[in-house]
Protein backbone atom coordinates (compact mmCIF):
# COMPACT_ATOMS: atom_id res chain seq x y z
CA UNK A 1 81.12 85.73 120.24
CA UNK A 2 84.85 85.52 120.86
CA UNK A 3 85.72 82.02 122.02
CA UNK A 4 88.27 81.81 124.82
CA UNK A 5 89.56 79.02 127.00
CA UNK A 6 88.17 78.30 130.44
CA UNK A 7 89.23 80.99 132.90
CA UNK A 8 89.14 81.26 136.67
CA UNK A 9 87.04 84.31 137.43
CA UNK A 10 88.20 84.64 141.03
CA UNK A 11 87.57 88.14 142.36
CA UNK A 12 85.15 88.74 139.47
CA UNK A 13 82.52 86.69 141.30
CA UNK A 14 82.99 88.61 144.52
CA UNK A 15 82.79 92.24 143.49
CA UNK A 16 81.27 94.15 146.38
CA UNK A 17 80.06 97.72 146.84
CA UNK A 18 83.15 99.07 148.61
CA UNK A 19 85.55 97.94 145.91
CA UNK A 20 83.32 98.94 143.00
CA UNK A 21 82.47 102.39 144.33
CA UNK A 22 86.09 103.12 145.27
CA UNK A 23 87.31 102.15 141.81
CA UNK A 24 84.72 104.33 140.06
CA UNK A 25 85.37 107.31 142.33
CA UNK A 26 89.11 107.11 141.70
CA UNK A 27 88.79 106.60 137.94
CA UNK A 28 86.27 109.40 137.36
CA UNK A 29 87.32 111.77 140.15
CA UNK A 30 83.82 111.86 141.64
CA UNK A 31 82.08 110.94 144.88
CA UNK A 32 79.31 108.34 144.97
CA UNK A 33 76.54 107.75 147.47
CA UNK A 34 75.63 104.31 148.81
CA UNK A 35 73.41 103.20 145.92
CA UNK A 36 74.71 99.85 144.62
CA UNK A 37 72.25 97.80 142.58
CA UNK A 38 73.35 94.63 140.73
CA UNK A 39 71.80 94.38 137.26
CA UNK A 40 71.07 91.22 135.28
CA UNK A 41 73.87 90.02 133.02
CA UNK A 42 74.74 86.49 131.92
CA UNK A 43 78.31 87.38 131.05
CA UNK A 44 79.58 90.40 132.94
CA UNK A 45 79.06 91.91 136.37
CA UNK A 46 76.99 95.07 136.01
CA UNK A 47 75.93 97.53 138.72
CA UNK A 48 73.89 100.68 138.90
CA UNK A 49 75.48 103.39 141.03
CA UNK A 50 74.79 107.07 141.74
CA UNK A 51 76.94 110.14 142.30
CA UNK A 52 76.51 112.50 145.25
CA UNK A 53 74.75 114.84 142.81
CA UNK A 54 72.18 112.15 142.01
CA UNK A 55 73.49 111.19 138.56
CA UNK A 56 72.87 107.50 137.83
CA UNK A 57 75.55 105.48 136.07
CA UNK A 58 76.16 101.86 135.14
CA UNK A 59 79.53 100.21 135.75
CA UNK A 60 80.40 97.08 133.81
CA UNK A 61 83.11 94.61 134.82
CA UNK A 62 84.02 92.38 131.90
CA UNK A 63 84.30 88.65 132.50
CA UNK A 64 88.00 87.69 132.52
CA UNK A 65 89.05 85.70 129.48
CA UNK A 66 85.93 86.59 127.54
CA UNK A 67 87.25 89.50 125.46
CA UNK A 68 90.71 90.90 125.02
CA UNK A 69 91.38 94.49 126.00
CA UNK A 70 91.78 95.39 122.32
CA UNK A 71 88.45 93.76 121.44
CA UNK A 72 86.66 95.80 124.12
CA UNK A 73 88.32 98.97 122.88
CA UNK A 74 87.07 98.20 119.35
CA UNK A 75 83.55 98.33 120.78
CA UNK A 76 84.24 101.54 122.72
CA UNK A 77 85.74 103.20 119.64
CA UNK A 78 82.69 102.32 117.55
CA UNK A 79 80.28 103.57 120.23
CA UNK A 80 82.21 106.82 120.64
CA UNK A 81 82.21 107.42 116.89
CA UNK A 82 78.47 106.78 116.73
CA UNK A 83 77.78 109.13 119.64
CA UNK A 84 79.83 111.88 118.00
CA UNK A 85 77.46 111.64 115.03
CA UNK A 86 74.53 112.03 117.49
CA UNK A 87 73.36 108.50 116.81
CA UNK A 88 71.37 107.26 119.84
CA UNK A 89 73.69 104.75 121.47
CA UNK A 90 75.16 104.63 124.98
CA UNK A 91 78.87 105.36 124.76
CA UNK A 92 81.27 104.77 127.68
CA UNK A 93 82.37 107.71 129.80
CA UNK A 94 85.97 108.91 129.70
CA UNK A 95 88.03 108.52 132.86
CA UNK A 96 90.42 111.14 134.23
CA UNK A 97 93.21 109.77 132.02
CA UNK A 98 91.05 110.06 128.90
CA UNK A 99 90.60 106.29 128.54
CA UNK A 100 87.23 104.51 128.47
CA UNK A 101 88.53 101.23 129.90
CA UNK A 102 90.26 100.79 133.26
CA UNK A 103 91.93 97.81 134.89
CA UNK A 104 92.18 96.69 138.51
CA UNK A 105 93.89 93.44 139.45
CA UNK A 106 93.32 92.05 135.93
CA UNK A 107 89.65 93.07 135.94
CA UNK A 108 88.63 95.42 133.13
CA UNK A 109 85.76 97.82 133.69
CA UNK A 110 83.96 100.74 132.05
CA UNK A 111 81.30 103.20 133.19
CA UNK A 112 78.29 104.26 131.13
CA UNK A 113 75.56 106.87 131.70
CA UNK A 114 72.30 105.24 132.69
CA UNK A 115 69.75 105.34 129.88
CA UNK A 116 66.35 104.02 130.85
CA UNK A 117 63.74 102.86 128.38
CA UNK A 118 61.68 99.86 127.42
CA UNK A 119 61.80 97.39 124.58
CA UNK A 120 58.92 96.38 122.35
CA UNK A 121 58.30 93.59 119.86
CA UNK A 122 55.55 95.37 117.92
CA UNK A 123 56.11 98.50 115.85
CA UNK A 124 53.90 100.65 113.69
CA UNK A 125 54.90 101.69 110.17
CA UNK A 126 56.61 104.91 111.24
CA UNK A 127 58.61 103.05 113.89
CA UNK A 128 59.82 100.46 111.37
CA UNK A 129 61.01 103.34 109.19
CA UNK A 130 62.69 104.96 112.18
CA UNK A 131 64.54 101.76 113.10
CA UNK A 132 65.64 101.39 109.49
CA UNK A 133 67.03 104.93 109.55
CA UNK A 134 68.83 104.19 112.81
CA UNK A 135 70.51 101.08 111.37
CA UNK A 136 71.39 102.92 108.17
CA UNK A 137 73.19 105.59 110.19
CA UNK A 138 74.96 102.98 112.33
CA UNK A 139 76.21 101.12 109.27
CA UNK A 140 77.25 104.36 107.58
CA UNK A 141 79.67 104.90 110.47
CA UNK A 142 80.45 101.20 110.65
CA UNK A 143 81.82 101.03 107.11
CA UNK A 144 84.15 103.99 107.77
CA UNK A 145 86.50 101.90 109.92
CA UNK A 146 87.46 98.39 110.94
CA UNK A 147 87.35 96.36 114.14
CA UNK A 148 90.63 94.47 113.86
CA UNK A 149 90.18 92.54 117.08
CA UNK A 150 86.58 91.39 116.57
CA UNK A 151 85.35 88.26 114.85
CA UNK A 152 84.49 88.22 111.19
CA UNK A 153 80.98 86.87 110.88
CA UNK A 154 81.44 84.33 108.09
CA UNK A 155 81.02 80.54 107.93
CA UNK A 156 84.73 79.78 107.60
CA UNK A 157 85.65 82.18 110.38
CA UNK A 158 83.23 82.61 113.27
CA UNK A 159 81.10 79.51 112.66
CA UNK A 160 84.05 77.17 112.23
CA UNK A 161 85.66 78.57 115.38
CA UNK A 162 82.43 78.01 117.31
CA UNK A 163 82.15 74.44 116.05
CA UNK A 164 85.71 73.69 117.12
CA UNK A 165 84.96 75.11 120.56
CA UNK A 166 81.88 72.90 120.90
CA UNK A 167 83.82 69.81 119.85
CA UNK A 168 86.27 70.45 122.66
CA UNK A 169 83.66 71.33 125.29
CA UNK A 170 82.89 68.87 128.08
CA UNK A 171 79.22 69.91 128.19
CA UNK A 172 78.55 68.48 124.71
CA UNK A 173 77.42 64.83 124.61
CA UNK A 174 80.47 62.90 123.40
CA UNK A 175 78.52 60.37 121.34
CA UNK A 176 76.79 63.20 119.43
CA UNK A 177 79.91 65.19 118.63
CA UNK A 178 80.58 63.35 115.34
CA UNK A 179 77.03 64.03 114.13
CA UNK A 180 77.23 67.66 115.24
CA UNK A 181 80.53 68.03 113.41
CA UNK A 182 79.35 66.54 110.11
CA UNK A 183 76.09 68.52 110.19
CA UNK A 184 77.78 71.87 110.83
CA UNK A 185 80.60 71.25 108.34
CA UNK A 186 78.03 70.35 105.70
CA UNK A 187 76.17 73.62 106.34
CA UNK A 188 79.42 75.62 106.23
CA UNK A 189 80.33 74.04 102.90
CA UNK A 190 76.90 74.82 101.47
CA UNK A 191 76.69 78.45 102.56
CA UNK A 192 80.31 79.61 102.31
CA UNK A 193 80.09 80.49 98.57
CA UNK A 194 77.17 82.84 99.31
CA UNK A 195 79.44 85.03 101.42
CA UNK A 196 82.26 85.23 98.87
CA UNK A 197 81.32 88.63 97.43
CA UNK A 198 79.69 90.04 100.56
CA UNK A 199 81.17 93.16 102.15
CA UNK A 200 81.85 92.98 105.89
CA UNK A 201 81.62 96.15 107.95
CA UNK A 202 81.36 96.95 111.65
CA UNK A 203 77.86 95.92 112.76
CA UNK A 204 75.97 95.54 116.03
CA UNK A 205 75.89 91.76 115.56
CA UNK A 206 73.11 90.99 118.03
CA UNK A 207 70.36 93.30 116.84
CA UNK A 208 67.12 91.94 118.30
CA UNK A 209 64.13 93.63 119.93
CA UNK A 210 65.57 93.60 123.44
CA UNK A 211 68.54 95.65 122.27
CA UNK A 212 66.38 98.45 120.92
CA UNK A 213 64.81 100.57 123.63
CA UNK A 214 62.28 103.36 123.36
CA UNK A 215 62.36 106.50 125.47
CA UNK A 216 59.18 108.64 125.51
CA UNK A 217 59.65 111.74 123.40
CA UNK A 218 62.97 110.52 122.00
CA UNK A 219 64.18 108.26 119.22
CA UNK A 220 64.98 104.57 119.60
CA UNK A 221 68.30 103.73 121.25
CA UNK A 222 70.46 100.83 120.10
CA UNK A 223 72.13 99.21 123.13
CA UNK A 224 74.44 96.32 124.10
CA UNK A 225 77.26 96.21 121.56
CA UNK A 226 79.01 93.33 123.36
CA UNK A 227 78.74 91.11 120.28
CA UNK A 228 79.86 93.78 117.83
CA UNK A 229 81.50 92.13 114.83
CA UNK A 230 82.70 92.54 111.31
CA UNK A 231 79.90 91.13 109.21
CA UNK A 232 77.30 91.65 106.47
CA UNK A 233 74.87 94.52 107.18
CA UNK A 234 71.89 92.19 106.64
CA UNK A 235 72.78 90.53 109.97
CA UNK A 236 71.42 93.59 111.78
CA UNK A 237 68.23 93.46 109.72
CA UNK A 238 66.96 89.89 109.76
CA UNK A 239 66.87 89.37 113.54
CA UNK A 240 64.31 92.17 113.85
CA UNK A 241 61.83 90.62 111.43
CA UNK A 242 58.73 89.09 113.07
CA UNK A 243 59.07 85.91 111.00
CA UNK A 244 60.73 84.43 107.96
CA UNK A 245 61.41 86.79 105.07
CA UNK A 246 58.33 85.69 103.12
CA UNK A 247 56.18 86.27 106.22
CA UNK A 248 57.52 89.77 106.91
CA UNK A 249 57.51 91.44 103.50
CA UNK A 250 55.85 94.65 104.73
CA UNK A 251 58.17 95.05 107.73
CA UNK A 252 61.26 94.33 105.62
CA UNK A 253 60.21 96.86 102.98
CA UNK A 254 59.72 99.53 105.65
CA UNK A 255 63.04 98.75 107.32
CA UNK A 256 64.91 99.00 104.05
CA UNK A 257 63.06 102.15 103.00
CA UNK A 258 64.19 103.83 106.20
CA UNK A 259 67.67 102.32 105.96
CA UNK A 260 68.26 103.64 102.46
CA UNK A 261 67.60 107.19 103.62
CA UNK A 262 71.21 107.09 104.77
CA UNK A 263 72.91 104.10 103.14
CA UNK A 264 72.32 101.90 100.10
CA UNK A 265 71.40 98.31 100.90
CA UNK A 266 72.47 95.42 98.66
CA UNK A 267 69.25 93.41 98.30
CA UNK A 268 71.19 90.46 96.96
CA UNK A 269 72.35 89.86 100.53
CA UNK A 270 68.79 88.94 101.55
CA UNK A 271 69.73 85.43 100.40
CA UNK A 272 72.01 85.29 103.45
CA UNK A 273 69.12 85.43 105.92
CA UNK A 274 68.59 81.66 106.27
CA UNK A 275 72.35 80.90 106.30
CA UNK A 276 72.79 83.56 108.99
CA UNK A 277 69.94 81.99 110.96
CA UNK A 278 71.81 78.66 110.91
CA UNK A 279 74.97 80.44 112.01
CA UNK A 280 72.97 82.02 114.82
CA UNK A 281 71.91 78.58 116.05
CA UNK A 282 75.56 77.53 116.24
CA UNK A 283 76.59 80.83 117.81
CA UNK A 284 73.99 80.41 120.56
CA UNK A 285 75.06 76.83 121.29
CA UNK A 286 78.66 77.97 121.66
CA UNK A 287 77.60 80.98 123.76
CA UNK A 288 75.69 78.74 126.18
CA UNK A 289 78.54 76.23 126.29
CA UNK A 290 81.01 78.96 127.11
CA UNK A 291 79.04 80.00 130.19
CA UNK A 292 78.99 76.46 131.54
CA UNK A 293 82.63 75.82 130.71
CA UNK A 294 83.68 79.11 132.33
CA UNK A 295 82.14 78.62 135.76
CA UNK A 296 80.33 75.30 135.72
CA UNK A 297 76.95 76.69 136.66
CA UNK A 298 75.66 79.51 134.45
CA UNK A 299 72.93 78.14 132.18
CA UNK A 300 70.76 80.24 129.91
CA UNK A 301 68.23 77.38 129.57
CA UNK A 302 67.31 74.66 132.06
CA UNK A 303 68.29 71.46 130.26
CA UNK A 304 71.33 72.82 128.47
CA UNK A 305 74.04 70.17 128.14
CA UNK A 306 71.70 67.18 128.32
CA UNK A 307 71.80 64.61 125.55
CA UNK A 308 68.21 65.50 124.61
CA UNK A 309 69.25 69.14 124.24
CA UNK A 310 72.05 68.35 121.80
CA UNK A 311 69.88 65.98 119.80
CA UNK A 312 67.22 68.69 119.44
CA UNK A 313 69.84 71.21 118.34
CA UNK A 314 71.21 68.87 115.71
CA UNK A 315 67.69 68.14 114.45
CA UNK A 316 67.01 71.88 114.25
CA UNK A 317 70.18 72.37 112.21
CA UNK A 318 69.10 69.66 109.79
CA UNK A 319 65.72 71.38 109.41
CA UNK A 320 67.42 74.71 108.89
CA UNK A 321 69.65 73.18 106.25
CA UNK A 322 66.49 72.26 104.34
CA UNK A 323 65.21 75.84 104.67
CA UNK A 324 68.49 77.11 103.25
CA UNK A 325 68.10 74.82 100.25
CA UNK A 326 64.51 76.02 99.72
CA UNK A 327 65.50 79.68 100.00
CA UNK A 328 68.00 79.24 97.16
CA UNK A 329 65.31 78.13 94.73
CA UNK A 330 64.11 80.72 92.19
CA UNK A 331 61.30 82.88 93.58
CA UNK A 332 59.68 86.23 93.23
CA UNK A 333 61.83 87.80 95.93
CA UNK A 334 64.00 90.73 94.98
CA UNK A 335 67.62 89.58 95.24
């Protein structure tokens, strides 16, 4: 997540069918019919539209102040490179000027082909292998370039930035900020050495079940690269596991077997799973805080911002810190 300051979204909240359809028609040189269907999105404004020929497309307007133009183009470049290698992702369409990102009155937008499918949280052995192969191919392309305008997923970079954002956010209970600060800084200090020799490449960054969709008769598609980052490849592995590493040995073995069909995986980085889980907790807190700070009303969970919420989050971080300590003890795991 790229942390930005509070921004007035203005026209972003009031995008209507006439404006959206006119912008897409002009940018792509097409004619649309009257289909205009808002789609769920916590961050952006996303709409399904249709051409006169019946081709469905999805237009995404990026929340102002959330990402820089260069950061969005890093994502588009990665997606385009993946699509050129016939990796199943959904790359943005090119406009008449050859660009994938357009701007109208400070609003940035892109158009994507519609790709239907459904997600699942249970896979058979062959599907675990298939997902592993998919991630191996994605990371093979990911290591061939850099995303200079995306975060580096490391304790002293992304996590420290997210902590600093939380400490300045009005939605965080003031009396708990000192405890939140000391807890997170302690975790950063403990886990930072583990990342010292870890290679960062372009990764999906938010690789969970909902971002892998299945289309009958086709392979799995990897979608929603909004949180694309520079980070350790294991980040795109651990979030898919149905439990802690020791509870998902079979699934992890299958994932890595498929993965290594295309790219070697450094098994020593499995020790980063619990540290990355702690970083994910902090990332999610900052992500939720950003929504509230941006418009004062968007909440991913009902009691977000309450004192009880922040106390629970701090308690969870303390528990996770203990898990990190346990995971560093000698064991039979292959590292």
